[in-house]
Amino acid sequence: AMVDASAELAELQQELQAVKKALRSNDGYLGMRGETLQQYFLQLNEKENLVLSRQVQQLSLAAGAPGGFGVNSGPAAPPPAGPPKQFNKEELAAVLQHMCEYEALPGESIKAVRALSSLAYANAAGVGANDQVIRQLLRLLSLHSEDENVQIVVMRALCNMAYDSAVAVQKLASHEALSALLAAASRVPDPSTKAKPGEACVKAGEALARIVAAEVDDQGRPLTTPTSQCSNLAKVFESALLGDASWHTAVLRLVSLLVKNEVIEIRFIAERFVSHTTVASAEAAQGWLAFAKTCANADTCTELAPALVEAGALRAAVQLLQRFSTEAAVALTGVEAMSALVGSRTTGLQAFVDAGGVQRIEDGMGRHIDHELLQTKSIRALASGVLWPEDVQRKAGYSAKCSVALTKEAMVRHASGEELQIAGLEALSRYIERANLRTEVAEGGGEGLVKAVMTRHQGVTKLQRFGRLVLDGLGVDKAWKPMASGVTNGTNGVGK
């Protein structure tokens, strides 16, 4: 079928050249002249486009390209034998065919995509409406992921397409396209290449900005509701959640720029992020929480954290922790995200309390007792509760006594963990000083626990200082010092 199509295409192109020559010289062709010949030329041109399009479809099917924007991840198809063919850079079908036939050759791919970018600059709607064009561009990004020049020309083409709001909304807001743009926006430029450093990153950022900006009117008013499944910004968030931290940083940079330039309001961003927490996997939940943490700690957009809190980010975080309570990685990222969102803000603390954040931290410690880093972060988070006003503690269901017990249990289980022991001793000293819980700290071999920890970690100055504070609070003889022999066999059984 491909051979037949190629023969048909060759005949058509040969006849087109003959008709063009006749039109230029005002000679007749098959008895046709003037307007009649012009109409015949247009018919031939349309037929050529149809044949080219059919060939491209056959090439995609032969490569196993799936439907939609799913990109075939298989190896590049071998190029046709002989030197690369010339192609009409002003006809979309011809450009697309060259992109497909010579996808294995970076130089030919660049040549075709440059032509495509020019076409998209002149007619973004016409080029961007072609699903095969976008699919092949994404495939070229994958095939030539290490070629900076290919990355640049593809990003230029996508950026030009994004000028058309309909293309931005209906075509480029797909998960596949957004993922490719986010990957490019977070790409570290190769200093050894002759390409302009960082241009792919810049163009990808511009394209993402146009995709998001298509969701607001000229006055910055949203054209979609916060919970709308058509929200481009929400789709950007959803794609970013499955990427690494560099993708989160790229999105944060994007929204910070849009807010700074008054394209969108900070409330618009917060509402769309918080309203789309119906994630399907623990991986996506962890991504959402990690991105919330990134936003809360952002120096480039300090108003984002309070906006997220107001939009309900802490309640959303708690819901994710409840839903994926068996996942230690989600629990850890959740503690970090909630701590960052609360910060030193009264509104953040109130939202954390109202959402039941304390119970989620306690639950995580109980479920994941062997996760040392989670235990360390949770110890620190719970210890901050002794500084809250009594009415806030009551409303939160916070129990300093329960926190003491969880802290000591983690210290016994992770005796060799230096950071955990520092956090534990600091927390115990705070419980004694702020909550007067000497009895609770001392019971169950608390004094022996502290001495064993100090003996095991004699070279850690910070740990020794907090340990001494705890012993002083318990009224232990100030002359006591850790044994020089190393690990103690204290009565508390620490020695794991």
Protein backbone atom coordinates (compact mmCIF):
# COMPACT_ATOMS: atom_id res chain seq x y z
CA ALA A 1 0.00 0.00 0.00
CA MET A 2 2.84 2.36 0.80
CA VAL A 3 4.47 1.64 -2.58
CA ASP A 4 1.21 2.37 -4.41
CA ALA A 5 0.73 5.59 -2.46
CA SER A 6 4.30 6.71 -3.20
CA ALA A 7 3.80 6.07 -6.93
CA GLU A 8 0.53 7.97 -6.89
CA LEU A 9 2.17 10.86 -5.03
CA ALA A 10 5.06 11.00 -7.51
CA GLU A 11 2.64 11.17 -10.44
CA LEU A 12 0.61 13.91 -8.76
CA GLN A 13 3.67 16.01 -7.98
CA GLN A 14 4.94 15.61 -11.55
CA GLU A 15 1.58 16.76 -12.92
CA LEU A 16 1.49 19.67 -10.46
CA GLN A 17 4.83 20.89 -11.76
CA ALA A 18 3.54 20.70 -15.32
CA VAL A 19 0.40 22.65 -14.44
CA LYS A 20 2.44 25.29 -12.59
CA LYS A 21 4.64 25.71 -15.63
CA ALA A 22 1.57 26.09 -17.85
CA LEU A 23 0.06 28.69 -15.55
CA ARG A 24 3.27 30.73 -15.45
CA SER A 25 3.66 30.69 -19.23
CA ASN A 26 -0.06 31.10 -19.95
CA ASP A 27 0.08 27.91 -22.05
CA GLY A 28 -2.73 25.42 -22.03
CA TYR A 29 -2.73 22.05 -20.33
CA LEU A 30 -5.03 19.25 -21.49
CA GLY A 31 -7.10 21.91 -23.24
CA MET A 32 -7.54 23.98 -20.05
CA ARG A 33 -6.50 27.61 -19.63
CA GLY A 34 -6.95 30.52 -17.28
CA GLU A 35 -9.44 30.13 -14.45
CA THR A 36 -10.32 26.56 -15.45
CA LEU A 37 -6.68 25.53 -15.23
CA GLN A 38 -6.33 27.36 -11.90
CA GLN A 39 -9.25 25.37 -10.49
CA TYR A 40 -7.68 22.14 -11.75
CA PHE A 41 -4.41 23.08 -10.05
CA LEU A 42 -6.21 23.62 -6.72
CA GLN A 43 -7.92 20.24 -7.08
CA LEU A 44 -4.58 18.54 -7.73
CA ASN A 45 -3.07 20.33 -4.74
CA GLU A 46 -5.89 19.16 -2.49
CA LYS A 47 -5.50 15.60 -3.79
CA GLU A 48 -1.75 15.76 -3.05
CA ASN A 49 -2.46 16.80 0.52
CA LEU A 50 -4.87 13.90 0.96
CA VAL A 51 -2.31 11.40 -0.34
CA LEU A 52 0.40 12.88 1.91
CA SER A 53 -1.90 12.73 4.89
CA ARG A 54 -2.76 9.10 4.15
CA GLN A 55 0.94 8.25 3.94
CA VAL A 56 1.63 9.92 7.27
CA GLN A 57 -1.17 7.93 8.88
CA GLN A 58 0.27 4.71 7.47
CA LEU A 59 3.71 5.64 8.78
CA SER A 60 2.25 6.21 12.25
CA LEU A 61 0.39 2.91 12.18
CA ALA A 62 3.50 1.08 11.02
CA ALA A 63 5.41 2.57 13.97
CA GLY A 64 2.67 1.52 16.34
CA ALA A 65 1.56 5.01 17.31
CA PRO A 66 -1.43 4.85 19.66
CA GLY A 67 -4.51 7.03 19.47
CA GLY A 68 -4.84 10.50 20.96
CA PHE A 69 -1.49 12.10 21.78
CA GLY A 70 0.01 8.86 23.06
CA VAL A 71 3.54 8.89 21.72
CA ASN A 72 5.08 5.74 20.30
CA SER A 73 8.18 5.00 22.37
CA GLY A 74 9.64 2.54 19.87
CA PRO A 75 12.88 3.11 17.96
CA ALA A 76 13.01 5.55 15.08
CA ALA A 77 11.89 4.25 11.71
CA PRO A 78 14.81 3.90 9.25
CA PRO A 79 14.88 6.72 6.68
CA PRO A 80 14.27 6.03 2.97
CA ALA A 81 17.26 4.83 1.00
CA GLY A 82 19.37 7.41 -0.81
CA PRO A 83 19.96 11.07 -0.07
CA PRO A 84 17.20 12.95 1.82
CA LYS A 85 14.37 14.09 -0.42
CA GLN A 86 13.49 17.70 -0.97
CA PHE A 87 10.08 18.78 0.32
CA ASN A 88 7.74 21.72 -0.06
CA LYS A 89 8.29 23.79 3.09
CA GLU A 90 5.11 25.75 2.47
CA GLU A 91 2.76 22.74 2.54
CA LEU A 92 1.90 21.26 5.92
CA ALA A 93 1.32 17.73 4.61
CA ALA A 94 4.73 17.66 2.91
CA VAL A 95 6.47 18.98 6.02
CA LEU A 96 4.73 16.42 8.21
CA GLN A 97 5.67 13.60 5.85
CA HIS A 98 9.34 14.62 5.99
CA MET A 99 9.18 14.77 9.79
CA CYS A 100 7.88 11.20 9.87
CA GLU A 101 10.04 9.65 7.15
CA TYR A 102 13.30 11.15 8.45
CA GLU A 103 12.60 11.04 12.18
CA ALA A 104 15.81 9.05 12.75
CA LEU A 105 18.00 11.86 11.41
CA PRO A 106 18.35 14.89 13.74
CA GLY A 107 19.45 17.20 10.92
CA GLU A 108 16.46 16.39 8.71
CA SER A 109 14.13 16.54 11.70
CA ILE A 110 15.40 20.01 12.53
CA LYS A 111 14.97 21.11 8.91
CA ALA A 112 11.36 19.91 8.84
CA VAL A 113 10.43 21.32 12.25
CA ARG A 114 11.87 24.71 11.34
CA ALA A 115 9.58 24.74 8.32
CA LEU A 116 6.70 23.68 10.53
CA SER A 117 7.48 26.44 13.02
CA SER A 118 7.29 29.01 10.22
CA LEU A 119 3.93 27.62 9.14
CA ALA A 120 2.71 27.73 12.74
CA TYR A 121 3.86 31.33 13.10
CA ALA A 122 1.77 32.27 10.08
CA ASN A 123 -1.20 30.02 10.91
CA ALA A 124 -1.13 28.71 14.47
CA ALA A 125 -4.72 27.49 14.32
CA GLY A 126 -4.28 25.54 11.10
CA VAL A 127 -1.07 23.80 12.15
CA GLY A 128 -2.02 23.24 15.79
CA ALA A 129 -5.33 21.64 14.89
CA ASN A 130 -3.49 18.68 13.33
CA ASP A 131 -3.13 15.91 15.92
CA GLN A 132 -0.54 14.10 13.82
CA VAL A 133 1.71 17.16 13.87
CA ILE A 134 1.66 17.40 17.64
CA ARG A 135 2.11 13.66 18.05
CA GLN A 136 5.18 13.64 15.80
CA LEU A 137 6.70 16.66 17.54
CA LEU A 138 6.40 14.88 20.87
CA ARG A 139 7.93 11.76 19.36
CA LEU A 140 10.91 13.76 18.07
CA LEU A 141 11.45 15.14 21.56
CA SER A 142 11.58 11.58 22.86
CA LEU A 143 13.76 10.19 20.07
CA HIS A 144 16.30 13.03 20.33
CA SER A 145 16.08 13.80 24.04
CA GLU A 146 19.82 14.58 24.22
CA ASP A 147 19.94 16.79 21.14
CA GLU A 148 19.60 20.38 22.28
CA ASN A 149 18.92 21.69 18.77
CA VAL A 150 16.00 19.32 18.24
CA GLN A 151 14.59 20.31 21.62
CA ILE A 152 14.84 24.00 20.74
CA VAL A 153 13.14 23.83 17.33
CA VAL A 154 10.30 21.67 18.66
CA MET A 155 9.71 24.08 21.54
CA ARG A 156 9.65 26.99 19.11
CA ALA A 157 7.01 25.22 17.04
CA LEU A 158 4.84 24.38 20.06
CA CYS A 159 5.24 27.92 21.35
CA ASN A 160 4.05 29.35 18.03
CA MET A 161 1.03 27.03 18.07
CA ALA A 162 0.15 28.17 21.59
CA TYR A 163 -0.49 31.68 20.26
CA ASP A 164 -3.91 30.41 19.18
CA SER A 165 -6.08 30.11 22.31
CA ALA A 166 -8.19 27.29 20.85
CA VAL A 167 -5.08 25.23 20.13
CA ALA A 168 -3.72 26.02 23.59
CA VAL A 169 -6.93 24.85 25.26
CA GLN A 170 -7.96 21.94 23.05
CA LYS A 171 -4.63 20.50 21.91
CA LEU A 172 -1.65 21.57 24.00
CA ALA A 173 -3.34 21.07 27.38
CA SER A 174 -3.11 17.28 27.00
CA HIS A 175 -1.09 15.36 29.57
CA GLU A 176 1.44 14.26 26.94
CA ALA A 177 2.04 17.77 25.61
CA LEU A 178 2.17 19.36 29.06
CA SER A 179 4.60 16.72 30.30
CA ALA A 180 6.90 17.41 27.35
CA LEU A 181 6.72 21.16 27.99
CA LEU A 182 7.40 20.73 31.71
CA ALA A 183 10.36 18.47 31.00
CA ALA A 184 11.80 21.10 28.66
CA ALA A 185 11.03 23.96 31.05
CA SER A 186 13.03 22.19 33.76
CA ARG A 187 15.79 21.06 31.41
CA VAL A 188 19.39 21.97 32.32
CA PRO A 189 21.03 23.35 29.16
CA ASP A 190 24.07 21.56 27.76
CA PRO A 191 26.97 24.07 27.84
CA SER A 192 28.91 22.07 25.23
CA THR A 193 26.30 22.53 22.51
CA LYS A 194 26.36 25.34 19.96
CA ALA A 195 22.67 25.95 20.58
CA LYS A 196 21.55 28.98 22.54
CA PRO A 197 21.81 27.95 26.22
CA GLY A 198 18.41 27.63 27.84
CA GLU A 199 16.35 28.55 24.77
CA ALA A 200 14.34 25.33 24.91
CA CYS A 201 13.56 26.07 28.56
CA VAL A 202 12.49 29.63 27.76
CA LYS A 203 10.27 28.64 24.83
CA ALA A 204 8.65 25.86 26.86
CA GLY A 205 7.93 28.37 29.62
CA GLU A 206 6.37 30.76 27.11
CA ALA A 207 4.17 28.00 25.72
CA LEU A 208 3.02 26.98 29.20
CA ALA A 209 2.25 30.60 30.04
CA ARG A 210 0.09 30.95 26.92
CA ILE A 211 -1.73 27.70 27.72
CA VAL A 212 -2.56 28.93 31.23
CA ALA A 213 -3.36 32.47 30.07
CA ALA A 214 -5.91 31.05 27.62
CA GLU A 215 -8.02 30.27 30.69
CA VAL A 216 -8.55 33.94 31.61
CA ASP A 217 -10.00 36.89 29.77
CA ASP A 218 -8.25 40.17 29.00
CA GLN A 219 -9.05 41.42 32.50
CA GLY A 220 -7.55 38.37 34.17
CA ARG A 221 -10.96 36.93 35.07
CA PRO A 222 -11.18 33.12 34.95
CA LEU A 223 -13.18 31.53 32.15
CA THR A 224 -13.52 28.27 34.11
CA THR A 225 -14.65 27.40 37.63
CA PRO A 226 -12.09 26.13 40.19
CA THR A 227 -13.40 22.57 39.94
CA SER A 228 -13.75 22.58 36.17
CA GLN A 229 -12.16 19.61 34.43
CA CYS A 230 -11.35 22.02 31.57
CA SER A 231 -8.99 24.10 33.70
CA ASN A 232 -5.65 24.34 31.89
CA LEU A 233 -3.82 25.34 35.06
CA ALA A 234 -5.26 22.35 36.91
CA LYS A 235 -4.03 20.13 34.07
CA VAL A 236 -0.57 21.65 34.38
CA PHE A 237 -0.61 20.83 38.10
CA GLU A 238 -1.81 17.28 37.43
CA SER A 239 1.01 16.66 34.95
CA ALA A 240 3.61 18.25 37.23
CA LEU A 241 2.62 16.03 40.16
CA LEU A 242 4.01 12.98 38.37
CA GLY A 243 7.32 14.69 37.62
CA ASP A 244 10.29 15.29 39.87
CA ALA A 245 11.09 18.36 41.98
CA SER A 246 12.45 20.23 38.95
CA TRP A 247 8.98 20.11 37.37
CA HIS A 248 7.50 21.61 40.53
CA THR A 249 10.08 24.39 40.40
CA ALA A 250 9.26 25.06 36.74
CA VAL A 251 5.54 25.40 37.51
CA LEU A 252 6.25 27.63 40.51
CA ARG A 253 8.40 29.83 38.29
CA LEU A 254 5.57 29.95 35.76
CA VAL A 255 2.81 30.94 38.19
CA SER A 256 5.08 33.46 39.93
CA LEU A 257 5.71 35.17 36.60
CA LEU A 258 2.00 35.17 35.68
CA VAL A 259 1.10 36.72 39.04
CA LYS A 260 3.90 39.29 38.79
CA ASN A 261 2.73 40.31 35.32
CA GLU A 262 -0.89 40.45 36.57
CA VAL A 263 -2.04 37.86 34.06
CA ILE A 264 -3.79 35.79 36.74
CA GLU A 265 -4.61 36.31 40.41
CA ILE A 266 -2.96 34.37 43.22
CA ARG A 267 -6.38 33.16 44.42
CA PHE A 268 -7.01 31.67 40.97
CA ILE A 269 -3.85 29.57 41.27
CA ALA A 270 -4.52 28.41 44.83
CA GLU A 271 -8.12 27.40 44.15
CA ARG A 272 -7.25 25.32 41.12
CA PHE A 273 -4.41 23.56 42.87
CA VAL A 274 -6.45 22.71 45.96
CA SER A 275 -9.60 21.71 44.08
CA HIS A 276 -7.81 19.00 42.11
CA THR A 277 -6.72 16.54 44.78
CA THR A 278 -8.69 13.58 43.41
CA VAL A 279 -5.40 11.88 42.56
CA ALA A 280 -5.47 8.26 41.47
CA SER A 281 -2.25 6.99 43.02
CA ALA A 282 0.03 7.31 46.02
CA GLU A 283 2.70 8.64 43.67
CA ALA A 284 0.44 11.49 42.57
CA ALA A 285 -0.59 12.17 46.19
CA GLN A 286 3.05 12.44 47.18
CA GLY A 287 3.60 14.75 44.21
CA TRP A 288 0.72 17.00 45.29
CA LEU A 289 2.07 17.23 48.83
CA ALA A 290 5.61 17.85 47.61
CA PHE A 291 4.41 20.64 45.34
CA ALA A 292 2.40 22.17 48.20
CA LYS A 293 5.59 22.19 50.25
CA THR A 294 7.52 23.82 47.39
CA CYS A 295 4.86 26.53 47.02
CA ALA A 296 4.72 27.18 50.77
CA ASN A 297 8.49 27.69 50.91
CA ALA A 298 8.67 29.83 47.76
CA ASP A 299 10.63 33.05 48.15
CA THR A 300 9.62 34.17 44.66
CA CYS A 301 5.91 34.25 45.50
CA THR A 302 5.46 34.69 49.25
CA GLU A 303 1.73 35.35 48.99
CA LEU A 304 1.11 31.86 47.60
CA ALA A 305 1.35 30.01 50.94
CA PRO A 306 -1.40 32.01 52.71
CA ALA A 307 -3.54 31.79 49.57
CA LEU A 308 -3.19 28.00 49.58
CA VAL A 309 -4.16 27.87 53.26
CA GLU A 310 -7.21 30.03 52.60
CA ALA A 311 -8.19 27.80 49.68
CA GLY A 312 -8.12 24.71 51.93
CA ALA A 313 -4.72 23.18 51.20
CA LEU A 314 -4.27 21.84 54.74
CA ARG A 315 -7.61 20.07 54.71
CA ALA A 316 -6.77 18.63 51.29
CA ALA A 317 -3.41 17.43 52.63
CA VAL A 318 -5.08 15.71 55.58
CA GLN A 319 -7.53 14.00 53.23
CA LEU A 320 -4.65 12.65 51.14
CA LEU A 321 -2.93 11.35 54.27
CA GLN A 322 -6.13 9.58 55.29
CA ARG A 323 -6.63 8.10 51.84
CA PHE A 324 -3.06 6.82 51.51
CA SER A 325 -2.36 6.16 55.17
CA THR A 326 -0.48 2.92 54.46
CA GLU A 327 2.11 4.71 52.31
CA ALA A 328 5.11 5.85 54.35
CA ALA A 329 6.40 8.17 51.58
CA VAL A 330 3.04 9.98 51.49
CA ALA A 331 3.04 10.28 55.27
CA LEU A 332 6.54 11.80 55.29
CA THR A 333 5.83 14.30 52.51
CA GLY A 334 2.54 15.14 54.20
CA VAL A 335 4.24 16.08 57.47
CA GLU A 336 6.70 18.27 55.57
CA ALA A 337 3.93 19.93 53.52
CA MET A 338 1.72 20.65 56.53
CA SER A 339 4.65 22.11 58.48
CA ALA A 340 5.53 24.38 55.55
CA LEU A 341 1.92 25.52 55.04
CA VAL A 342 1.45 26.29 58.73
CA GLY A 343 4.77 28.12 59.05
CA SER A 344 4.50 30.88 61.62
CA ARG A 345 1.03 31.93 60.48
CA THR A 346 -1.86 31.91 62.95
CA THR A 347 -4.27 31.23 60.10
CA GLY A 348 -2.15 28.27 59.08
CA LEU A 349 -2.18 26.80 62.58
CA GLN A 350 -5.94 27.27 62.85
CA ALA A 351 -6.51 25.53 59.51
CA PHE A 352 -4.19 22.68 60.56
CA VAL A 353 -6.10 22.23 63.81
CA ASP A 354 -9.50 22.39 62.12
CA ALA A 355 -8.43 19.77 59.58
CA GLY A 356 -7.27 17.29 62.21
CA GLY A 357 -3.61 17.48 61.33
CA VAL A 358 -2.38 16.28 64.74
CA GLN A 359 -4.22 13.00 64.42
CA ARG A 360 -2.69 12.36 60.99
CA ILE A 361 0.84 12.86 62.37
CA GLU A 362 0.18 10.57 65.31
CA ASP A 363 -1.37 7.97 63.00
CA GLY A 364 1.63 8.10 60.68
CA MET A 365 4.05 7.55 63.54
CA GLY A 366 2.04 4.57 64.73
CA ARG A 367 1.71 2.99 61.30
CA HIS A 368 5.29 3.50 60.12
CA ILE A 369 7.38 2.90 63.22
CA ASP A 370 10.41 1.71 61.23
CA HIS A 371 10.62 4.81 58.99
CA GLU A 372 13.34 6.80 60.74
CA LEU A 373 13.04 10.06 58.81
CA LEU A 374 9.25 10.13 59.20
CA GLN A 375 9.63 9.56 62.93
CA THR A 376 12.20 12.38 63.13
CA LYS A 377 10.02 14.91 61.28
CA SER A 378 6.94 13.88 63.29
CA ILE A 379 8.76 14.25 66.61
CA ARG A 380 9.65 17.83 65.72
CA ALA A 381 6.15 18.60 64.47
CA LEU A 382 4.45 17.31 67.62
CA ALA A 383 6.91 19.07 69.91
CA SER A 384 5.80 22.42 68.50
CA GLY A 385 2.36 21.76 69.99
CA VAL A 386 3.51 22.61 73.52
CA LEU A 387 3.86 26.22 72.39
CA TRP A 388 0.22 26.50 71.33
CA PRO A 389 -2.38 28.24 73.51
CA GLU A 390 -4.35 25.81 75.68
CA ASP A 391 -7.61 26.37 73.80
CA VAL A 392 -5.88 25.53 70.52
CA GLN A 393 -4.42 22.36 72.06
CA ARG A 394 -7.85 21.29 73.24
CA LYS A 395 -9.46 21.98 69.89
CA ALA A 396 -6.70 20.07 68.11
CA GLY A 397 -6.98 17.08 70.41
CA TYR A 398 -3.29 17.54 71.16
CA SER A 399 -1.83 15.57 74.03
CA ALA A 400 1.70 16.41 75.11
CA LYS A 401 1.75 13.22 77.18
CA CYS A 402 0.95 11.14 74.10
CA SER A 403 3.67 12.98 72.19
CA VAL A 404 6.20 12.17 74.92
CA ALA A 405 5.35 8.47 74.67
CA LEU A 406 5.63 8.46 70.85
CA THR A 407 8.94 10.30 71.04
CA LYS A 408 10.50 7.87 73.51
CA GLU A 409 9.25 4.88 71.54
CA ALA A 410 10.91 6.21 68.37
CA MET A 411 14.16 6.89 70.26
CA VAL A 412 14.29 3.33 71.56
CA ARG A 413 13.57 1.85 68.13
CA HIS A 414 16.09 4.00 66.27
CA ALA A 415 18.94 4.21 68.76
CA SER A 416 21.59 4.62 66.06
CA GLY A 417 19.79 7.49 64.27
CA GLU A 418 21.72 10.62 65.18
CA GLU A 419 19.23 13.18 63.81
CA LEU A 420 16.27 11.37 65.34
CA GLN A 421 17.98 11.29 68.75
CA ILE A 422 18.76 15.00 68.55
CA ALA A 423 15.13 15.74 67.67
CA GLY A 424 13.92 13.44 70.46
CA LEU A 425 16.11 14.96 73.18
CA GLU A 426 15.22 18.50 72.08
CA ALA A 427 11.52 17.56 72.20
CA LEU A 428 11.82 15.96 75.67
CA SER A 429 13.60 19.03 77.00
CA ARG A 430 10.77 21.17 75.64
CA TYR A 431 8.09 18.95 77.20
CA ILE A 432 9.80 19.31 80.59
CA GLU A 433 10.33 23.05 80.31
CA ARG A 434 7.05 24.08 78.68
CA ALA A 435 4.58 21.45 79.85
CA ASN A 436 6.17 20.37 83.14
CA LEU A 437 6.05 16.72 82.11
CA ARG A 438 9.00 15.50 84.17
CA THR A 439 7.13 12.45 85.42
CA GLU A 440 6.01 11.41 81.93
CA VAL A 441 9.55 11.83 80.54
CA ALA A 442 11.11 9.89 83.43
CA GLU A 443 8.67 6.99 83.61
CA GLY A 444 9.39 3.72 81.86
CA GLY A 445 13.15 4.19 82.08
CA GLY A 446 13.29 7.67 80.62
CA GLU A 447 16.44 8.64 82.48
CA GLY A 448 18.22 5.48 81.35
CA LEU A 449 17.10 6.11 77.78
CA VAL A 450 18.66 9.57 77.76
CA LYS A 451 21.90 8.33 79.30
CA ALA A 452 22.13 5.48 76.81
CA VAL A 453 21.64 7.85 73.88
CA MET A 454 24.26 10.26 75.19
CA THR A 455 26.70 7.38 75.73
CA ARG A 456 26.16 6.01 72.23
CA HIS A 457 26.60 9.40 70.55
CA GLN A 458 29.34 10.94 72.66
CA GLY A 459 30.91 12.89 69.81
CA VAL A 460 27.73 14.80 68.86
CA THR A 461 27.88 18.16 70.64
CA LYS A 462 24.31 19.22 69.90
CA LEU A 463 22.93 15.90 71.12
CA GLN A 464 24.96 16.11 74.32
CA ARG A 465 23.66 19.60 75.01
CA PHE A 466 19.99 18.61 74.66
CA GLY A 467 20.61 15.43 76.64
CA ARG A 468 22.08 17.41 79.48
CA LEU A 469 19.05 19.73 79.46
CA VAL A 470 16.74 16.71 79.81
CA LEU A 471 18.81 15.23 82.66
CA ASP A 472 18.89 18.59 84.43
CA GLY A 473 15.13 18.82 84.07
CA LEU A 474 14.81 15.36 85.62
CA GLY A 475 17.07 16.38 88.52
CA VAL A 476 19.91 14.00 87.62
CA ASP A 477 23.28 14.55 89.28
CA LYS A 478 25.18 17.13 87.25
CA ALA A 479 28.38 15.18 87.77
CA TRP A 480 27.10 12.33 85.59
CA LYS A 481 28.92 11.94 82.26
CA PRO A 482 28.61 9.34 79.49
CA MET A 483 30.78 6.26 79.92
CA ALA A 484 33.85 6.20 77.71
CA SER A 485 33.27 2.58 76.69
CA GLY A 486 30.78 3.37 73.92
CA VAL A 487 27.33 1.78 73.87
CA THR A 488 25.73 1.29 77.26
CA ASN A 489 23.63 -1.61 78.38
CA GLY A 490 21.24 0.63 80.21
CA THR A 491 18.04 -0.61 81.82
CA ASN A 492 15.93 0.81 79.01
CA GLY A 493 17.17 -1.75 76.53
CA VAL A 494 18.57 0.77 74.05
CA GLY A 495 21.30 -0.72 71.94
CA LYS A 496 19.69 -1.53 68.65
